[in-house]
C-alpha atoms as a PDB file:
ATOM      1  CA  MET A   1     138.501 234.701   2.163  1.00  0.00           C
ATOM      2  CA  PRO A   2     139.395 238.113   3.559  1.00  0.00           C
ATOM      3  CA  ALA A   3     142.010 238.372   6.298  1.00  0.00           C
ATOM      4  CA  SER A   4     140.147 237.608  10.145  1.00  0.00           C
ATOM      5  CA  ILE A   5     139.678 240.765  12.695  1.00  0.00           C
ATOM      6  CA  PRO A   6     141.605 240.471  15.404  1.00  0.00           C
ATOM      7  CA  LEU A   7     139.432 239.892  18.631  1.00  0.00           C
ATOM      8  CA  GLY A   8     138.652 242.919  20.097  1.00  0.00           C
ATOM      9  CA  GLU A   9     139.071 245.156  17.240  1.00  0.00           C
ATOM     10  CA  HIS A  10     135.681 245.815  16.996  1.00  0.00           C
ATOM     11  CA  GLU A  11     134.266 243.692  19.890  1.00  0.00           C
ATOM     12  CA  ILE A  12     132.113 245.762  22.349  1.00  0.00           C
ATOM     13  CA  ARG A  13     131.614 244.151  25.874  1.00  0.00           C
ATOM     14  CA  PRO A  14     128.074 245.463  26.856  1.00  0.00           C
ATOM     15  CA  ASP A  15     127.378 246.092  30.496  1.00  0.00           C
ATOM     16  CA  PRO A  16     124.570 243.611  31.165  1.00  0.00           C
ATOM     17  CA  GLN A  17     123.289 244.802  34.224  1.00  0.00           C
ATOM     18  CA  ALA A  18     123.330 248.353  32.496  1.00  0.00           C
ATOM     19  CA  LEU A  19     121.536 247.615  29.715  1.00  0.00           C
ATOM     20  CA  THR A  20     119.058 244.580  31.312  1.00  0.00           C
ATOM     21  CA  GLY A  21     118.787 244.791  35.176  1.00  0.00           C
ATOM     22  CA  SER A  22     116.125 246.481  36.725  1.00  0.00           C
ATOM     23  CA  SER A  23     115.900 248.972  39.912  1.00  0.00           C
ATOM     24  CA  ASN A  24     113.610 246.306  41.375  1.00  0.00           C
ATOM     25  CA  PRO A  25     115.946 243.705  42.501  1.00  0.00           C
ATOM     26  CA  GLU A  26     113.165 240.811  42.644  1.00  0.00           C
ATOM     27  CA  GLU A  27     113.091 241.237  38.598  1.00  0.00           C
ATOM     28  CA  ASN A  28     116.397 240.407  38.240  1.00  0.00           C
ATOM     29  CA  SER A  29     118.142 236.751  38.049  1.00  0.00           C
ATOM     30  CA  SER A  30     121.207 236.082  40.692  1.00  0.00           C
ATOM     31  CA  THR A  31     123.399 237.848  38.377  1.00  0.00           C
ATOM     32  CA  GLY A  32     121.941 241.226  38.673  1.00  0.00           C
ATOM     33  CA  VAL A  33     120.516 241.145  35.051  1.00  0.00           C
ATOM     34  CA  ASN A  34     117.106 240.245  32.785  1.00  0.00           C
ATOM     35  CA  TYR A  35     117.654 239.027  29.206  1.00  0.00           C
ATOM     36  CA  GLU A  36     113.940 238.370  29.465  1.00  0.00           C
ATOM     37  CA  PRO A  37     112.609 240.438  26.288  1.00  0.00           C
ATOM     38  CA  ASP A  38     109.571 243.158  26.836  1.00  0.00           C
ATOM     39  CA  PRO A  39     108.902 244.454  23.560  1.00  0.00           C
ATOM     40  CA  SER A  40     106.578 246.703  24.827  1.00  0.00           C
ATOM     41  CA  LYS A  41     109.868 248.707  26.073  1.00  0.00           C
ATOM     42  CA  SER A  42     111.433 248.269  22.868  1.00  0.00           C
ATOM     43  CA  LEU A  43     113.039 251.691  21.785  1.00  0.00           C
ATOM     44  CA  GLU A  44     112.304 253.180  18.993  1.00  0.00           C
ATOM     45  CA  VAL A  45     114.729 253.232  16.097  1.00  0.00           C
ATOM     46  CA  SER A  46     114.910 253.966  12.178  1.00  0.00           C
ATOM     47  CA  MET A  47     113.382 251.905   9.698  1.00  0.00           C
ATOM     48  CA  ASP A  48     117.215 250.715   8.679  1.00  0.00           C
ATOM     49  CA  ARG A  49     117.955 249.299  12.172  1.00  0.00           C
ATOM     50  CA  GLU A  50     114.270 247.539  12.541  1.00  0.00           C
ATOM     51  CA  GLU A  51     115.420 245.768   9.303  1.00  0.00           C
ATOM     52  CA  ILE A  52     119.203 244.751  10.665  1.00  0.00           C
ATOM     53  CA  VAL A  53     116.885 243.259  13.459  1.00  0.00           C
ATOM     54  CA  LYS A  54     114.755 241.996  11.247  1.00  0.00           C
ATOM     55  CA  LYS A  55     117.385 240.026   9.522  1.00  0.00           C
ATOM     56  CA  ILE A  56     119.202 238.620  12.036  1.00  0.00           C
ATOM     57  CA  THR A  57     116.032 237.301  13.645  1.00  0.00           C
ATOM     58  CA  ARG A  58     115.382 235.255  10.811  1.00  0.00           C
ATOM     59  CA  LEU A  59     118.702 233.834  10.431  1.00  0.00           C
ATOM     60  CA  TYR A  60     118.158 232.759  13.866  1.00  0.00           C
ATOM     61  CA  SER A  61     114.974 231.150  12.990  1.00  0.00           C
ATOM     62  CA  GLY A  62     116.515 229.091  10.512  1.00  0.00           C
ATOM     63  CA  SER A  63     115.373 230.819   7.263  1.00  0.00           C
ATOM     64  CA  ALA A  64     119.231 231.492   6.121  1.00  0.00           C
ATOM     65  CA  ASN A  65     119.152 232.979   2.548  1.00  0.00           C
ATOM     66  CA  GLU A  66     122.083 235.478   0.977  1.00  0.00           C
ATOM     67  CA  GLU A  67     120.167 238.312   1.273  1.00  0.00           C
ATOM     68  CA  ASP A  68     120.038 238.430   4.873  1.00  0.00           C
ATOM     69  CA  MET A  69     123.413 237.337   4.948  1.00  0.00           C
ATOM     70  CA  MET A  70     124.221 240.750   3.323  1.00  0.00           C
ATOM     71  CA  VAL A  71     123.721 242.439   6.995  1.00  0.00           C
ATOM     72  CA  TYR A  72     127.305 241.007   7.337  1.00  0.00           C
ATOM     73  CA  ALA A  73     130.203 242.909   6.124  1.00  0.00           C
ATOM     74  CA  GLU A  74     132.692 240.504   4.651  1.00  0.00           C
ATOM     75  CA  ARG A  75     134.820 240.585   7.370  1.00  0.00           C
ATOM     76  CA  ALA A  76     132.814 240.139  10.024  1.00  0.00           C
ATOM     77  CA  VAL A  77     132.607 238.341  13.671  1.00  0.00           C
ATOM     78  CA  TYR A  78     130.086 236.147  14.852  1.00  0.00           C
ATOM     79  CA  ASP A  79     130.729 235.343  18.403  1.00  0.00           C
ATOM     80  CA  ASP A  80     128.512 233.252  20.919  1.00  0.00           C
ATOM     81  CA  PRO A  81     129.033 230.455  23.660  1.00  0.00           C
ATOM     82  CA  TRP A  82     129.413 227.598  20.981  1.00  0.00           C
ATOM     83  CA  SER A  83     131.095 229.603  18.056  1.00  0.00           C
ATOM     84  CA  PHE A  84     133.723 232.072  17.046  1.00  0.00           C
ATOM     85  CA  CYS A  85     133.586 232.800  13.152  1.00  0.00           C
ATOM     86  CA  ASP A  86     135.525 235.823  11.520  1.00  0.00           C
ATOM     87  CA  THR A  87     134.531 236.044   8.128  1.00  0.00           C
ATOM     88  CA  ARG A  88     130.899 236.260   6.692  1.00  0.00           C
ATOM     89  CA  TYR A  89     131.113 233.106   5.273  1.00  0.00           C
ATOM     90  CA  LYS A  90     131.702 231.245   8.153  1.00  0.00           C
ATOM     91  CA  ILE A  91     129.018 233.329  10.159  1.00  0.00           C
ATOM     92  CA  ALA A  92     126.833 231.605   7.201  1.00  0.00           C
ATOM     93  CA  GLY A  93     128.184 228.035   7.945  1.00  0.00           C
ATOM     94  CA  GLN A  94     126.253 228.635  11.367  1.00  0.00           C
ATOM     95  CA  TRP A  95     123.120 229.904  10.170  1.00  0.00           C
ATOM     96  CA  TYR A  96     123.101 227.644   7.112  1.00  0.00           C
ATOM     97  CA  GLY A  97     123.387 224.543   9.650  1.00  0.00           C
ATOM     98  CA  ILE A  98     119.937 225.287  12.212  1.00  0.00           C
ATOM     99  CA  PRO A  99     117.677 223.632  10.154  1.00  0.00           C
ATOM    100  CA  ARG A 100     120.133 220.659   9.948  1.00  0.00           C
ATOM    101  CA  VAL A 101     119.754 220.216  13.949  1.00  0.00           C
ATOM    102  CA  MET A 102     116.703 221.759  14.841  1.00  0.00           C
ATOM    103  CA  ALA A 103     113.113 220.976  13.959  1.00  0.00           C
ATOM    104  CA  SER A 104     112.283 224.433  14.336  1.00  0.00           C
ATOM    105  CA  SER A 105     113.754 227.618  15.673  1.00  0.00           C
ATOM    106  CA  ARG A 106     111.632 230.740  16.079  1.00  0.00           C
ATOM    107  CA  THR A 107     111.915 234.007  17.534  1.00  0.00           C
ATOM    108  CA  LEU A 108     109.278 234.739  20.972  1.00  0.00           C
ATOM    109  CA  ALA A 109     109.909 238.535  21.337  1.00  0.00           C
ATOM    110  CA  THR A 110     112.861 241.014  21.089  1.00  0.00           C
ATOM    111  CA  GLN A 111     113.390 244.098  22.902  1.00  0.00           C
ATOM    112  CA  ILE A 112     115.819 246.882  21.456  1.00  0.00           C
ATOM    113  CA  VAL A 113     117.774 248.407  24.509  1.00  0.00           C
ATOM    114  CA  SER A 114     120.289 250.650  22.766  1.00  0.00           C
ATOM    115  CA  SER A 115     120.953 252.066  19.414  1.00  0.00           C
ATOM    116  CA  THR A 116     123.913 254.443  18.909  1.00  0.00           C
ATOM    117  CA  PRO A 117     125.528 255.132  15.606  1.00  0.00           C
ATOM    118  CA  ASN A 118     127.941 252.027  15.633  1.00  0.00           C
ATOM    119  CA  GLU A 119     126.153 249.614  17.773  1.00  0.00           C
ATOM    120  CA  LEU A 120     122.785 248.182  18.178  1.00  0.00           C
ATOM    121  CA  VAL A 121     121.745 245.846  21.413  1.00  0.00           C
ATOM    122  CA  PHE A 122     118.356 243.715  22.013  1.00  0.00           C
ATOM    123  CA  ARG A 123     117.270 240.971  23.581  1.00  0.00           C
ATOM    124  CA  MET A 124     115.547 238.309  22.028  1.00  0.00           C
ATOM    125  CA  LYS A 125     113.785 235.188  23.174  1.00  0.00           C
ATOM    126  CA  GLN A 126     114.461 232.021  20.905  1.00  0.00           C
ATOM    127  CA  GLU A 127     112.832 228.669  20.932  1.00  0.00           C
ATOM    128  CA  TYR A 128     114.718 225.637  19.567  1.00  0.00           C
ATOM    129  CA  THR A 129     113.537 222.316  19.089  1.00  0.00           C
ATOM    130  CA  PRO A 130     116.185 219.872  18.526  1.00  0.00           C
ATOM    131  CA  ARG A 131     115.578 217.224  15.867  1.00  0.00           C
ATOM    132  CA  VAL A 132     116.491 214.888  17.783  1.00  0.00           C
ATOM    133  CA  LEU A 133     114.836 215.530  21.323  1.00  0.00           C
ATOM    134  CA  HIS A 134     111.961 217.327  19.858  1.00  0.00           C
ATOM    135  CA  TYR A 135     111.813 219.146  23.288  1.00  0.00           C
ATOM    136  CA  SER A 136     111.596 222.913  23.140  1.00  0.00           C
ATOM    137  CA  LYS A 137     113.874 225.355  24.600  1.00  0.00           C
ATOM    138  CA  PRO A 138     113.742 228.954  24.815  1.00  0.00           C
ATOM    139  CA  VAL A 139     116.624 230.882  25.071  1.00  0.00           C
ATOM    140  CA  ASN A 140     116.937 234.245  26.853  1.00  0.00           C
ATOM    141  CA  SER A 141     120.283 236.182  25.147  1.00  0.00           C
ATOM    142  CA  LEU A 142     121.267 239.528  24.744  1.00  0.00           C
ATOM    143  CA  ILE A 143     122.951 240.388  21.412  1.00  0.00           C
ATOM    144  CA  THR A 144     125.217 243.136  20.593  1.00  0.00           C
ATOM    145  CA  LEU A 145     125.935 244.118  16.928  1.00  0.00           C
ATOM    146  CA  THR A 146     128.825 246.770  16.222  1.00  0.00           C
ATOM    147  CA  LEU A 147     128.136 248.285  13.116  1.00  0.00           C
ATOM    148  CA  ASN A 148     130.339 250.005  10.425  1.00  0.00           C
ATOM    149  CA  GLU A 149     130.011 253.582   8.356  1.00  0.00           C
ATOM    150  CA  GLN A 150     127.968 251.647   5.958  1.00  0.00           C
ATOM    151  CA  GLY A 151     125.448 250.329   8.387  1.00  0.00           C
ATOM    152  CA  LYS A 152     126.864 246.442   8.438  1.00  0.00           C
ATOM    153  CA  VAL A 153     127.364 243.787  10.668  1.00  0.00           C
ATOM    154  CA  ILE A 154     131.215 243.887  11.827  1.00  0.00           C
ATOM    155  CA  TYR A 155     130.492 242.087  15.248  1.00  0.00           C
ATOM    156  CA  HIS A 156     127.598 240.164  16.365  1.00  0.00           C
ATOM    157  CA  LYS A 157     127.948 239.233  20.136  1.00  0.00           C
ATOM    158  CA  ASP A 158     125.194 236.676  21.437  1.00  0.00           C
ATOM    159  CA  MET A 159     125.298 236.191  25.496  1.00  0.00           C
ATOM    160  CA  TRP A 160     123.274 233.636  26.737  1.00  0.00           C
ATOM    161  CA  ASN A 161     121.280 233.122  29.894  1.00  0.00           C
ATOM    162  CA  ASP A 162     123.240 235.830  31.764  1.00  0.00           C
ATOM    163  CA  LYS A 163     126.582 235.047  30.717  1.00  0.00           C
ATOM    164  CA  ASP A 164     129.255 236.414  28.952  1.00  0.00           C
ATOM    165  CA  TYR A 165     131.886 233.747  27.795  1.00  0.00           C
ATOM    166  CA  SER A 166     135.311 233.957  27.486  1.00  0.00           C
ATOM    167  CA  HIS A 167     137.788 233.730  24.477  1.00  0.00           C
ATOM    168  CA  GLU A 168     140.339 231.270  26.845  1.00  0.00           C
ATOM    169  CA  GLY A 169     141.226 228.069  27.211  1.00  0.00           C
ATOM    170  CA  LEU A 170     139.383 224.806  26.074  1.00  0.00           C
ATOM    171  CA  GLY A 171     135.999 227.158  25.441  1.00  0.00           C
ATOM    172  CA  LYS A 172     138.440 228.931  22.811  1.00  0.00           C
ATOM    173  CA  ILE A 173     139.467 225.777  21.042  1.00  0.00           C
ATOM    174  CA  MET A 174     135.801 224.809  20.881  1.00  0.00           C
ATOM    175  CA  LYS A 175     134.281 227.569  19.540  1.00  0.00           C
ATOM    176  CA  THR A 176     136.986 228.278  16.841  1.00  0.00           C
ATOM    177  CA  LEU A 177     137.239 224.719  15.436  1.00  0.00           C
ATOM    178  CA  ASN A 178     133.187 225.116  15.220  1.00  0.00           C
ATOM    179  CA  GLY A 179     133.533 228.645  13.757  1.00  0.00           C
ATOM    180  CA  ASP A 180     136.701 227.447  11.059  1.00  0.00           C
ATOM    181  CA  HIS A 181     135.191 223.844   9.932  1.00  0.00           C
ATOM    182  CA  LEU A 182     130.701 224.312  10.520  1.00  0.00           C
ATOM    183  CA  THR A 183     130.759 225.216   6.735  1.00  0.00           C
ATOM    184  CA  LYS A 184     132.605 222.021   5.545  1.00  0.00           C
ATOM    185  CA  ILE A 185     129.252 220.412   6.789  1.00  0.00           C
ATOM    186  CA  THR A 186     126.500 223.479   6.117  1.00  0.00           C
ATOM    187  CA  ARG A 187     127.926 224.095   2.765  1.00  0.00           C
ATOM    188  CA  PRO A 188     126.787 227.626   2.470  1.00  0.00           C
ATOM    189  CA  PRO A 189     126.600 229.529  -1.021  1.00  0.00           C
ATOM    190  CA  GLY A 190     130.378 230.233  -1.732  1.00  0.00           C
ATOM    191  CA  ASP A 191     130.127 233.886  -2.755  1.00  0.00           C
ATOM    192  CA  LEU A 192     129.534 234.848   0.508  1.00  0.00           C
END
């Protein structure tokens, strides 16, 4: 396994207000941002960038496979409110776990809001239906992907429901444990 990437080395903390806020305050949540994607306002990007978004949304939709996992560099970080993973293999543990806990997970909409040489940022609405409850819940998020020179994702930041989550205290412990140990349950291919 490759060594971990230190937190912050590649993490871009986007400014949600600048990327998602509207000049009309009524369109924003109480936090001043709106993560609801509007595909008609999505930026046009290269085919390579479109393919990155497609691979990422397929992973969110529970169809993890080795080809889509190769969107990540071997030493990549995945960071969301529930987990912090610091290798592609640990990230695979998250994606290979979705079909185990979700009856369905589907991407309802995306909107690319920023694309620079080393980052790709998009809003996403994902509908999750847990296996136990069978109650569908849409979640809006802001996805920030930091890319290396080869166009591979080296940092994947997923901010849910207008919030960024810290890397301190009990939350950090829970996120790290989830990221470090979920692969023991989901068992993604070892060569990732």
